[in-house]
Every structure is written in C-alpha cells, then in structure tokens.
C-alpha atoms as a PDB file:
ATOM      1  CA  VAL A   1      66.037 -35.412 -15.677  1.00  0.00           C
ATOM      2  CA  ASP A   2      64.622 -32.112 -15.918  1.00  0.00           C
ATOM      3  CA  LYS A   3      62.136 -31.418 -13.254  1.00  0.00           C
ATOM      4  CA  LYS A   4      59.169 -29.261 -14.095  1.00  0.00           C
ATOM      5  CA  PRO A   5      57.871 -27.159 -11.587  1.00  0.00           C
ATOM      6  CA  PRO A   6      54.226 -27.945 -10.564  1.00  0.00           C
ATOM      7  CA  PRO A   7      51.324 -26.116 -12.248  1.00  0.00           C
ATOM      8  CA  ALA A   8      50.343 -23.079 -10.738  1.00  0.00           C
ATOM      9  CA  GLU A   9      46.837 -23.484  -9.461  1.00  0.00           C
ATOM     10  CA  GLU A  10      44.325 -21.767 -11.478  1.00  0.00           C
ATOM     11  CA  ASN A  11      42.678 -18.090 -10.036  1.00  0.00           C
ATOM     12  CA  ASP A  12      45.555 -17.652  -7.543  1.00  0.00           C
ATOM     13  CA  ASP A  13      45.550 -14.059  -7.606  1.00  0.00           C
ATOM     14  CA  ASP A  14      41.776 -13.910  -7.285  1.00  0.00           C
ATOM     15  CA  ASP A  15      41.966 -16.053  -4.351  1.00  0.00           C
ATOM     16  CA  ASP A  16      44.311 -13.990  -2.744  1.00  0.00           C
ATOM     17  CA  GLU A  17      42.327 -10.947  -3.646  1.00  0.00           C
ATOM     18  CA  ALA A  18      39.405 -12.196  -2.076  1.00  0.00           C
ATOM     19  CA  LYS A  19      41.207 -13.191   1.227  1.00  0.00           C
ATOM     20  CA  ILE A  20      42.739  -9.489   1.412  1.00  0.00           C
ATOM     21  CA  GLU A  21      38.990  -8.124   0.855  1.00  0.00           C
ATOM     22  CA  ALA A  22      37.590 -10.222   3.457  1.00  0.00           C
ATOM     23  CA  LYS A  23      40.289  -9.361   5.941  1.00  0.00           C
ATOM     24  CA  LEU A  24      39.770  -5.736   5.201  1.00  0.00           C
ATOM     25  CA  VAL A  25      35.886  -6.194   5.595  1.00  0.00           C
ATOM     26  CA  ASP A  26      36.233  -7.875   8.766  1.00  0.00           C
ATOM     27  CA  ARG A  27      38.500  -5.340  10.161  1.00  0.00           C
ATOM     28  CA  LEU A  28      36.246  -2.411   9.028  1.00  0.00           C
ATOM     29  CA  ARG A  29      33.244  -4.292  10.579  1.00  0.00           C
ATOM     30  CA  GLN A  30      35.119  -4.535  13.973  1.00  0.00           C
ATOM     31  CA  ARG A  31      36.700  -1.115  14.133  1.00  0.00           C
ATOM     32  CA  ALA A  32      35.853   1.301  16.658  1.00  0.00           C
ATOM     33  CA  PHE A  33      34.654   4.614  16.234  1.00  0.00           C
ATOM     34  CA  SER A  34      37.597   6.196  17.994  1.00  0.00           C
ATOM     35  CA  SER A  35      36.437   9.832  17.189  1.00  0.00           C
ATOM     36  CA  SER A  36      33.068   9.892  15.163  1.00  0.00           C
ATOM     37  CA  PRO A  37      29.793  11.687  15.329  1.00  0.00           C
ATOM     38  CA  LEU A  38      28.267   8.227  14.866  1.00  0.00           C
ATOM     39  CA  LEU A  39      29.103   7.596  18.238  1.00  0.00           C
ATOM     40  CA  ALA A  40      26.286   9.636  19.494  1.00  0.00           C
ATOM     41  CA  PHE A  41      23.870   7.388  17.735  1.00  0.00           C
ATOM     42  CA  LYS A  42      22.693   4.641  20.272  1.00  0.00           C
ATOM     43  CA  GLY A  43      26.010   4.497  21.353  1.00  0.00           C
ATOM     44  CA  ALA A  44      27.331   2.521  18.298  1.00  0.00           C
ATOM     45  CA  LYS A  45      31.044   1.679  18.602  1.00  0.00           C
ATOM     46  CA  SER A  46      31.584  -0.501  15.520  1.00  0.00           C
ATOM     47  CA  VAL A  47      30.188  -0.834  11.922  1.00  0.00           C
ATOM     48  CA  VAL A  48      28.300  -4.037  13.131  1.00  0.00           C
ATOM     49  CA  GLU A  49      26.725  -1.910  16.089  1.00  0.00           C
ATOM     50  CA  LEU A  50      25.842   0.913  13.844  1.00  0.00           C
ATOM     51  CA  ALA A  51      23.861  -1.453  11.234  1.00  0.00           C
ATOM     52  CA  LYS A  52      22.038  -3.021  14.216  1.00  0.00           C
ATOM     53  CA  ALA A  53      21.085   0.305  15.583  1.00  0.00           C
ATOM     54  CA  LEU A  54      20.233   1.955  12.126  1.00  0.00           C
ATOM     55  CA  GLY A  55      17.944  -1.006  11.513  1.00  0.00           C
ATOM     56  CA  GLU A  56      16.230  -0.760  14.856  1.00  0.00           C
ATOM     57  CA  ALA A  57      15.595   2.703  14.461  1.00  0.00           C
ATOM     58  CA  ARG A  58      14.046   2.439  11.179  1.00  0.00           C
ATOM     59  CA  HIS A  59      11.068   0.920  12.596  1.00  0.00           C
ATOM     60  CA  ASP A  60      11.179   3.275  16.058  1.00  0.00           C
ATOM     61  CA  VAL A  61       7.894   5.451  15.009  1.00  0.00           C
ATOM     62  CA  ALA A  62       6.924   5.821  18.887  1.00  0.00           C
ATOM     63  CA  ASP A  63       7.392   9.696  18.615  1.00  0.00           C
ATOM     64  CA  LEU A  64       5.554  10.177  15.358  1.00  0.00           C
ATOM     65  CA  SER A  65       1.894  11.362  15.472  1.00  0.00           C
ATOM     66  CA  ALA A  66      -1.147   9.651  13.666  1.00  0.00           C
ATOM     67  CA  ALA A  67      -0.474  12.526  10.935  1.00  0.00           C
ATOM     68  CA  GLN A  68       2.843  11.597  10.402  1.00  0.00           C
ATOM     69  CA  LEU A  69       2.497   7.677  10.400  1.00  0.00           C
ATOM     70  CA  LEU A  70      -0.226   8.145   7.864  1.00  0.00           C
ATOM     71  CA  ARG A  71       2.145   9.923   5.532  1.00  0.00           C
ATOM     72  CA  MET A  72       5.503   7.947   6.405  1.00  0.00           C
ATOM     73  CA  ASP A  73       4.999   5.135   4.019  1.00  0.00           C
ATOM     74  CA  TYR A  74       2.255   6.529   1.379  1.00  0.00           C
ATOM     75  CA  LYS A  75       1.477   5.554  -2.124  1.00  0.00           C
ATOM     76  CA  GLN A  76      -0.903   7.285  -4.364  1.00  0.00           C
ATOM     77  CA  ALA A  77      -2.549   6.163  -7.626  1.00  0.00           C
ATOM     78  CA  THR A  78      -5.122   7.621 -10.253  1.00  0.00           C
ATOM     79  CA  VAL A  79      -8.124   5.512 -10.732  1.00  0.00           C
ATOM     80  CA  ARG A  80      -9.027   5.850 -14.582  1.00  0.00           C
ATOM     81  CA  PRO A  81     -12.659   4.713 -15.400  1.00  0.00           C
ATOM     82  CA  SER A  82     -13.349   3.972 -18.853  1.00  0.00           C
ATOM     83  CA  VAL A  83     -16.231   6.546 -18.716  1.00  0.00           C
ATOM     84  CA  GLY A  84     -16.032   9.583 -16.659  1.00  0.00           C
ATOM     85  CA  ALA A  85     -13.415  11.702 -15.023  1.00  0.00           C
ATOM     86  CA  PRO A  86     -10.391  10.162 -13.202  1.00  0.00           C
ATOM     87  CA  PHE A  87     -10.015  10.572  -9.335  1.00  0.00           C
ATOM     88  CA  GLU A  88      -7.241   9.837  -6.974  1.00  0.00           C
ATOM     89  CA  LEU A  89      -6.523   6.871  -4.509  1.00  0.00           C
ATOM     90  CA  GLY A  90      -4.193   7.373  -1.356  1.00  0.00           C
ATOM     91  CA  PHE A  91      -3.023   4.217   0.420  1.00  0.00           C
ATOM     92  CA  ALA A  92      -0.918   4.430   3.563  1.00  0.00           C
ATOM     93  CA  GLY A  93       0.990   1.702   4.944  1.00  0.00           C
ATOM     94  CA  ILE A  94       0.941   2.499   9.116  1.00  0.00           C
ATOM     95  CA  LEU A  95       4.054   0.978  10.845  1.00  0.00           C
ATOM     96  CA  VAL A  96       2.108   0.145  13.922  1.00  0.00           C
ATOM     97  CA  ASP A  97      -0.875  -2.064  14.705  1.00  0.00           C
ATOM     98  CA  ILE A  98      -4.428  -0.768  14.938  1.00  0.00           C
ATOM     99  CA  ASP A  99      -4.616  -0.027  18.876  1.00  0.00           C
ATOM    100  CA  ALA A 100      -1.431   1.876  18.811  1.00  0.00           C
ATOM    101  CA  PHE A 101      -2.514   4.192  15.523  1.00  0.00           C
ATOM    102  CA  ALA A 102      -5.952   4.494  17.237  1.00  0.00           C
ATOM    103  CA  ASN A 103      -4.501   5.905  20.250  1.00  0.00           C
ATOM    104  CA  LYS A 104      -2.869   8.656  18.478  1.00  0.00           C
ATOM    105  CA  ALA A 105      -5.573   9.310  16.100  1.00  0.00           C
ATOM    106  CA  ASP A 106      -8.330  11.630  18.377  1.00  0.00           C
ATOM    107  CA  ASP A 107     -10.607  11.738  15.305  1.00  0.00           C
ATOM    108  CA  MET A 108     -10.040   8.969  12.736  1.00  0.00           C
ATOM    109  CA  LYS A 109     -12.274  10.371  10.041  1.00  0.00           C
ATOM    110  CA  ALA A 110     -10.931  14.103  10.412  1.00  0.00           C
ATOM    111  CA  LEU A 111      -7.488  12.603  10.245  1.00  0.00           C
ATOM    112  CA  LEU A 112      -8.493  10.755   6.879  1.00  0.00           C
ATOM    113  CA  LEU A 113     -10.343  13.602   5.368  1.00  0.00           C
ATOM    114  CA  ASP A 114      -7.281  15.876   6.301  1.00  0.00           C
ATOM    115  CA  LEU A 115      -5.147  13.569   4.129  1.00  0.00           C
ATOM    116  CA  ALA A 116      -7.609  13.606   1.314  1.00  0.00           C
ATOM    117  CA  ARG A 117      -7.804  17.466   1.182  1.00  0.00           C
ATOM    118  CA  GLU A 118      -4.193  17.566   1.084  1.00  0.00           C
ATOM    119  CA  LYS A 119      -3.731  15.053  -1.544  1.00  0.00           C
ATOM    120  CA  HIS A 120      -6.844  15.657  -3.395  1.00  0.00           C
ATOM    121  CA  LEU A 121      -7.984  12.350  -2.633  1.00  0.00           C
ATOM    122  CA  THR A 122     -11.495  10.642  -3.332  1.00  0.00           C
ATOM    123  CA  LEU A 123     -10.540   7.280  -1.656  1.00  0.00           C
ATOM    124  CA  VAL A 124      -8.509   7.180   1.339  1.00  0.00           C
ATOM    125  CA  VAL A 125      -7.172   3.863   2.211  1.00  0.00           C
ATOM    126  CA  ALA A 126      -4.924   2.492   5.322  1.00  0.00           C
ATOM    127  CA  MET A 127      -3.483  -0.574   6.184  1.00  0.00           C
ATOM    128  CA  THR A 128      -1.967  -1.092   9.466  1.00  0.00           C
ATOM    129  CA  ALA A 129       0.949  -3.251  10.707  1.00  0.00           C
ATOM    130  CA  ALA A 130      -0.199  -6.767  12.317  1.00  0.00           C
ATOM    131  CA  ASN A 131      -1.512  -6.972  15.665  1.00  0.00           C
ATOM    132  CA  LYS A 132       0.391  -9.407  17.475  1.00  0.00           C
ATOM    133  CA  LYS A 133      -2.381  -9.822  20.144  1.00  0.00           C
ATOM    134  CA  ILE A 134      -4.557 -11.719  17.805  1.00  0.00           C
ATOM    135  CA  LYS A 135      -3.834 -15.321  16.829  1.00  0.00           C
ATOM    136  CA  PRO A 136      -3.598 -15.783  13.962  1.00  0.00           C
ATOM    137  CA  LYS A 137      -2.077 -12.255  13.453  1.00  0.00           C
ATOM    138  CA  ARG A 138      -4.016  -9.519  11.641  1.00  0.00           C
ATOM    139  CA  LYS A 139      -3.621  -6.210  10.041  1.00  0.00           C
ATOM    140  CA  SER A 140      -6.145  -3.906   9.758  1.00  0.00           C
ATOM    141  CA  PHE A 141      -7.596  -2.328   6.776  1.00  0.00           C
ATOM    142  CA  LEU A 142      -9.538   0.993   7.043  1.00  0.00           C
ATOM    143  CA  TYR A 143     -11.013   3.230   4.014  1.00  0.00           C
ATOM    144  CA  LEU A 144     -12.848   6.358   3.670  1.00  0.00           C
ATOM    145  CA  VAL A 145     -14.933   7.640   0.765  1.00  0.00           C
ATOM    146  CA  ALA A 146     -14.024  11.520   0.621  1.00  0.00           C
ATOM    147  CA  PRO A 147     -16.730  14.075  -0.220  1.00  0.00           C
ATOM    148  CA  PRO A 148     -16.434  16.377  -3.065  1.00  0.00           C
ATOM    149  CA  PRO A 149     -14.535  19.405  -2.187  1.00  0.00           C
ATOM    150  CA  GLN A 150     -17.432  21.697  -3.464  1.00  0.00           C
ATOM    151  CA  GLN A 151     -20.901  20.409  -3.871  1.00  0.00           C
ATOM    152  CA  ASN A 152     -21.063  20.822  -7.269  1.00  0.00           C
ATOM    153  CA  ASP A 153     -17.623  19.598  -8.256  1.00  0.00           C
ATOM    154  CA  ASP A 154     -17.649  16.439 -10.193  1.00  0.00           C
ATOM    155  CA  HIS A 155     -14.499  14.995  -8.269  1.00  0.00           C
ATOM    156  CA  GLY A 156     -15.177  11.479  -9.587  1.00  0.00           C
ATOM    157  CA  GLY A 157     -18.728  11.663  -9.392  1.00  0.00           C
ATOM    158  CA  LEU A 158     -19.056   8.605  -6.890  1.00  0.00           C
ATOM    159  CA  PRO A 159     -22.703   7.570  -5.915  1.00  0.00           C
ATOM    160  CA  PRO A 160     -23.591   7.009  -2.201  1.00  0.00           C
ATOM    161  CA  THR A 161     -23.329   3.396  -2.658  1.00  0.00           C
ATOM    162  CA  PHE A 162     -19.783   3.450  -3.852  1.00  0.00           C
ATOM    163  CA  GLY A 163     -18.230   2.400  -0.580  1.00  0.00           C
ATOM    164  CA  ALA A 164     -20.831  -0.330  -0.002  1.00  0.00           C
ATOM    165  CA  ASP A 165     -20.231  -1.498  -3.776  1.00  0.00           C
ATOM    166  CA  LEU A 166     -16.750  -1.546  -3.269  1.00  0.00           C
ATOM    167  CA  GLU A 167     -16.753  -3.805  -0.170  1.00  0.00           C
ATOM    168  CA  GLN A 168     -19.210  -6.009  -2.021  1.00  0.00           C
ATOM    169  CA  ALA A 169     -16.397  -6.485  -4.766  1.00  0.00           C
ATOM    170  CA  LEU A 170     -13.684  -6.957  -2.477  1.00  0.00           C
ATOM    171  CA  LEU A 171     -15.637  -9.546  -0.406  1.00  0.00           C
ATOM    172  CA  ASP A 172     -16.515 -11.650  -3.606  1.00  0.00           C
ATOM    173  CA  VAL A 173     -12.819 -11.639  -4.448  1.00  0.00           C
ATOM    174  CA  PRO A 174     -11.427 -13.936  -6.232  1.00  0.00           C
ATOM    175  CA  ALA A 175     -14.603 -13.411  -8.532  1.00  0.00           C
ATOM    176  CA  GLY A 176     -14.145 -10.260 -10.597  1.00  0.00           C
ATOM    177  CA  LEU A 177     -10.266 -10.229 -10.843  1.00  0.00           C
ATOM    178  CA  PRO A 178      -8.876  -9.917 -14.244  1.00  0.00           C
ATOM    179  CA  LYS A 179      -6.423 -11.958 -15.898  1.00  0.00           C
ATOM    180  CA  ASP A 180      -3.853  -9.607 -15.569  1.00  0.00           C
ATOM    181  CA  LEU A 181      -3.884  -9.604 -11.832  1.00  0.00           C
ATOM    182  CA  THR A 182      -4.631 -13.494 -11.358  1.00  0.00           C
ATOM    183  CA  ASP A 183      -1.230 -13.853 -13.035  1.00  0.00           C
ATOM    184  CA  LEU A 184       0.617 -12.196 -10.750  1.00  0.00           C
ATOM    185  CA  PRO A 185       2.532 -14.560  -8.464  1.00  0.00           C
ATOM    186  CA  LEU A 186       1.645 -12.940  -5.238  1.00  0.00           C
ATOM    187  CA  PHE A 187      -2.009 -13.206  -5.718  1.00  0.00           C
ATOM    188  CA  ASP A 188      -1.180 -16.892  -5.634  1.00  0.00           C
ATOM    189  CA  THR A 189       1.223 -16.830  -2.814  1.00  0.00           C
ATOM    190  CA  GLN A 190      -0.772 -14.780  -0.474  1.00  0.00           C
ATOM    191  CA  GLY A 191      -3.734 -17.075  -1.177  1.00  0.00           C
ATOM    192  CA  ILE A 192      -5.923 -14.639  -2.853  1.00  0.00           C
ATOM    193  CA  ILE A 193      -6.807 -16.772  -5.786  1.00  0.00           C
ATOM    194  CA  ASP A 194      -7.920 -19.646  -3.599  1.00  0.00           C
ATOM    195  CA  SER A 195      -9.793 -17.942  -0.857  1.00  0.00           C
ATOM    196  CA  GLY A 196      -9.639 -14.059  -1.405  1.00  0.00           C
ATOM    197  CA  PHE A 197      -8.835 -11.436   1.007  1.00  0.00           C
ATOM    198  CA  HIS A 198     -10.678 -12.827   4.311  1.00  0.00           C
ATOM    199  CA  LEU A 199     -12.499  -9.531   4.956  1.00  0.00           C
ATOM    200  CA  SER A 200     -15.462  -8.559   7.050  1.00  0.00           C
ATOM    201  CA  PHE A 201     -16.355  -4.970   7.244  1.00  0.00           C
ATOM    202  CA  ALA A 202     -17.927  -2.826   9.972  1.00  0.00           C
ATOM    203  CA  ASP A 203     -17.883   0.710  11.199  1.00  0.00           C
ATOM    204  CA  PHE A 204     -14.794   1.900  12.786  1.00  0.00           C
ATOM    205  CA  SER A 205     -16.227   5.223  13.259  1.00  0.00           C
ATOM    206  CA  PRO A 206     -18.654   7.514  11.440  1.00  0.00           C
ATOM    207  CA  GLY A 207     -17.553   7.552   7.824  1.00  0.00           C
ATOM    208  CA  VAL A 208     -14.570   5.259   8.306  1.00  0.00           C
ATOM    209  CA  ARG A 209     -15.055   1.511   7.503  1.00  0.00           C
ATOM    210  CA  PHE A 210     -12.711  -1.150   8.937  1.00  0.00           C
ATOM    211  CA  SER A 211     -11.941  -4.825   8.504  1.00  0.00           C
ATOM    212  CA  LEU A 212      -9.223  -7.228   9.646  1.00  0.00           C
ATOM    213  CA  VAL A 213      -6.864  -8.880   7.069  1.00  0.00           C
ATOM    214  CA  PRO A 214      -4.586 -11.489   7.253  1.00  0.00           C
ATOM    215  CA  LYS A 215      -0.814 -10.597   7.976  1.00  0.00           C
ATOM    216  CA  VAL A 216       0.226 -12.211   4.646  1.00  0.00           C
ATOM    217  CA  ILE A 217      -1.969  -9.617   2.516  1.00  0.00           C
ATOM    218  CA  THR A 218       0.044  -6.528   1.163  1.00  0.00           C
ATOM    219  CA  ARG A 219      -0.334  -3.466  -0.394  1.00  0.00           C
ATOM    220  CA  LYS A 220       1.125  -4.996  -3.644  1.00  0.00           C
ATOM    221  CA  THR A 221      -1.803  -6.973  -4.097  1.00  0.00           C
ATOM    222  CA  MET A 222      -4.640  -4.554  -2.292  1.00  0.00           C
ATOM    223  CA  LEU A 223      -3.964  -1.623  -4.253  1.00  0.00           C
ATOM    224  CA  PRO A 224      -4.122  -2.654  -7.874  1.00  0.00           C
ATOM    225  CA  THR A 225      -7.303  -4.780  -6.630  1.00  0.00           C
ATOM    226  CA  LEU A 226      -8.729  -1.497  -5.501  1.00  0.00           C
ATOM    227  CA  LEU A 227      -7.831   0.386  -8.454  1.00  0.00           C
ATOM    228  CA  HIS A 228      -9.466  -2.335 -10.838  1.00  0.00           C
ATOM    229  CA  PHE A 229     -12.911  -2.227  -8.821  1.00  0.00           C
ATOM    230  CA  ALA A 230     -12.845   1.695  -8.361  1.00  0.00           C
ATOM    231  CA  ALA A 231     -12.578   2.166 -11.845  1.00  0.00           C
ATOM    232  CA  ASP A 232     -15.201  -0.539 -12.889  1.00  0.00           C
ATOM    233  CA  LEU A 233     -17.526   0.941 -10.204  1.00  0.00           C
ATOM    234  CA  ALA A 234     -17.099   4.524 -11.321  1.00  0.00           C
ATOM    235  CA  ALA A 235     -17.582   3.655 -15.059  1.00  0.00           C
ATOM    236  CA  ALA A 236     -20.723   1.784 -14.232  1.00  0.00           C
ATOM    237  CA  LYS A 237     -22.188   4.514 -12.504  1.00  0.00           C
ATOM    238  CA  LYS A 238     -21.540   7.126 -15.171  1.00  0.00           C
ATOM    239  CA  SER A 239     -23.177   4.905 -17.659  1.00  0.00           C
ATOM    240  CA  ASP A 240     -26.249   4.513 -15.763  1.00  0.00           C
ATOM    241  CA  ASP A 241     -26.243   8.210 -15.480  1.00  0.00           C
ATOM    242  CA  ALA A 242     -26.134   8.971 -18.948  1.00  0.00           C
ATOM    243  CA  PRO A 243     -28.942  10.557 -20.482  1.00  0.00           C
ATOM    244  CA  VAL A 244     -31.273   8.665 -22.802  1.00  0.00           C
ATOM    245  CA  VAL A 245     -32.673  10.237 -25.859  1.00  0.00           C
ATOM    246  CA  VAL A 246     -35.867   9.086 -26.801  1.00  0.00           C
ATOM    247  CA  VAL A 247     -36.703   9.880 -30.507  1.00  0.00           C
ATOM    248  CA  GLU A 248     -40.225  10.015 -31.085  1.00  0.00           C
ATOM    249  CA  ASP A 249     -41.877   8.841 -34.217  1.00  0.00           C
ATOM    250  CA  CYS A 250     -43.205  11.722 -36.335  1.00  0.00           C
ATOM    251  CA  GLU A 251     -45.206  12.034 -39.419  1.00  0.00           C
ATOM    252  CA  GLU A 252     -43.826  13.974 -42.327  1.00  0.00           C
ATOM    253  CA  PRO A 253     -45.615  17.353 -43.096  1.00  0.00           C
ATOM    254  CA  PRO A 254     -47.978  17.060 -45.829  1.00  0.00           C
ATOM    255  CA  ALA A 255     -46.661  18.050 -49.488  1.00  0.00           C
ATOM    256  CA  THR A 256     -47.469  21.818 -50.123  1.00  0.00           C
END
C-alpha cells in the first residue's frame, strides 16, 4: 500500500520567517551597546533602555526658558473674515503647567507680545499642560489681543471689545458652533457638544486673559473654534464700520 506523506502545513515558510524575525528583534532589543556614542545618553546600554530614555527626554523641558516653551509646540493659522483683512492667530501648546510656566515668565504680557511681533500675530493663544494639583485636573488657557504694529496700520482692524466678544462666544459654546465643527468626532468625545468648554475668564496680568479648561480639551478643538468666532466677529465689525450712503431726494431742474 502506497503511503502518502502527510500534507504540509500551510504557511510553514511564513511561520519560520516570523520566528526568525522575532528572534532577531528580541536580540536587538537586548543587545548591549559595546562601543557607541549612544552610551552617553542617559547611560542607555540597550535598545530598550535607549527608547525609554528618549521617551522621557522628549518631555524634559526643565532647562527651557518661557520663550522657548512658547515656541516648542506652536501652530499658526490665518483668520479669514468674510469682510475685511485677514489676520494671524498663533496657538502655543505649553508642555508644563501654568505654575511652572509663570515662574519662568517674568512678564507674561511682554512674553506674548514678543511672540506677536515676531510672528506678526493679532491674536496670541497658549494652552498649558494640566495642573496635577487641581482636582479634577485642569489645563490653563491664556490669550492676548495684540495691538497693531503701527497706529494707522489696519492689522485686522479689531475693535476694543473684540476680546470680550470672543470670550462671550466661547462661553456660549456649543451655541454658535457651525455644523462642520459639531460633526467632528472630537467635539463629541471631548464633551463640547453637550456642555461646552467650561471656561471662566479672569485677568492673569494686565492685557492677558486666563481661564482653566478641562484636561480633555485640546488644541484640535479649541483652534478651529477660535478661527470660526474670530472670523465672524471681525467680519461683523467691518460691516458695522461700512459707511452709510444716504441719497437725498432732489427735484429735477426746471426745463429751459
């Protein structure tokens, strides 16, 4: 009776390759750096130790100044009102809490104005890391409306009430949010559609306004919200400033 060999298992080659790859990866992870400049970084002696050290170093900002922190995680966007000139908004993510950031900043207004001049900003915004001393944990939200670089320069043309109007719009959220924002999943998962941003504004220092904000709120939702309301408020101001042309009735001159 002819005996047939047992059928070969499928994907034997793939399984062998996967095992070999896993062994190589494991060896690499445990491999010591016998002679490498990477040894100088936090004393790392293996790939695992190096990865851990690099991850920790990414968040080690103790030696950075307030100005450096302001520029480390920075985004800029253009506010485009339907009426009037566009202007720039800068949004800095600060990797320390408000206490640590304020301790590094001798003058918060001067610090934010310096960034405004450098980046040609009209609106400067910063959101710090959460303060672990506050329960529940809260981030801090700061903003400053920068004056025009020149008195006669129409740098956005924002009225003196722009900051107060912007605050009120943010306080009223979710009211006023357009559908293209409320349809974004993050506005739901961060609780904004149900209960807004939970803001309460006060003066941080002259010219700088401040509010605590829930830890869950991020720049991915706050920035588009600011762009929307800033554009609406600037356009409304320009419309209010438009000259009103009055055409008076006049009699036709008598025929000659």
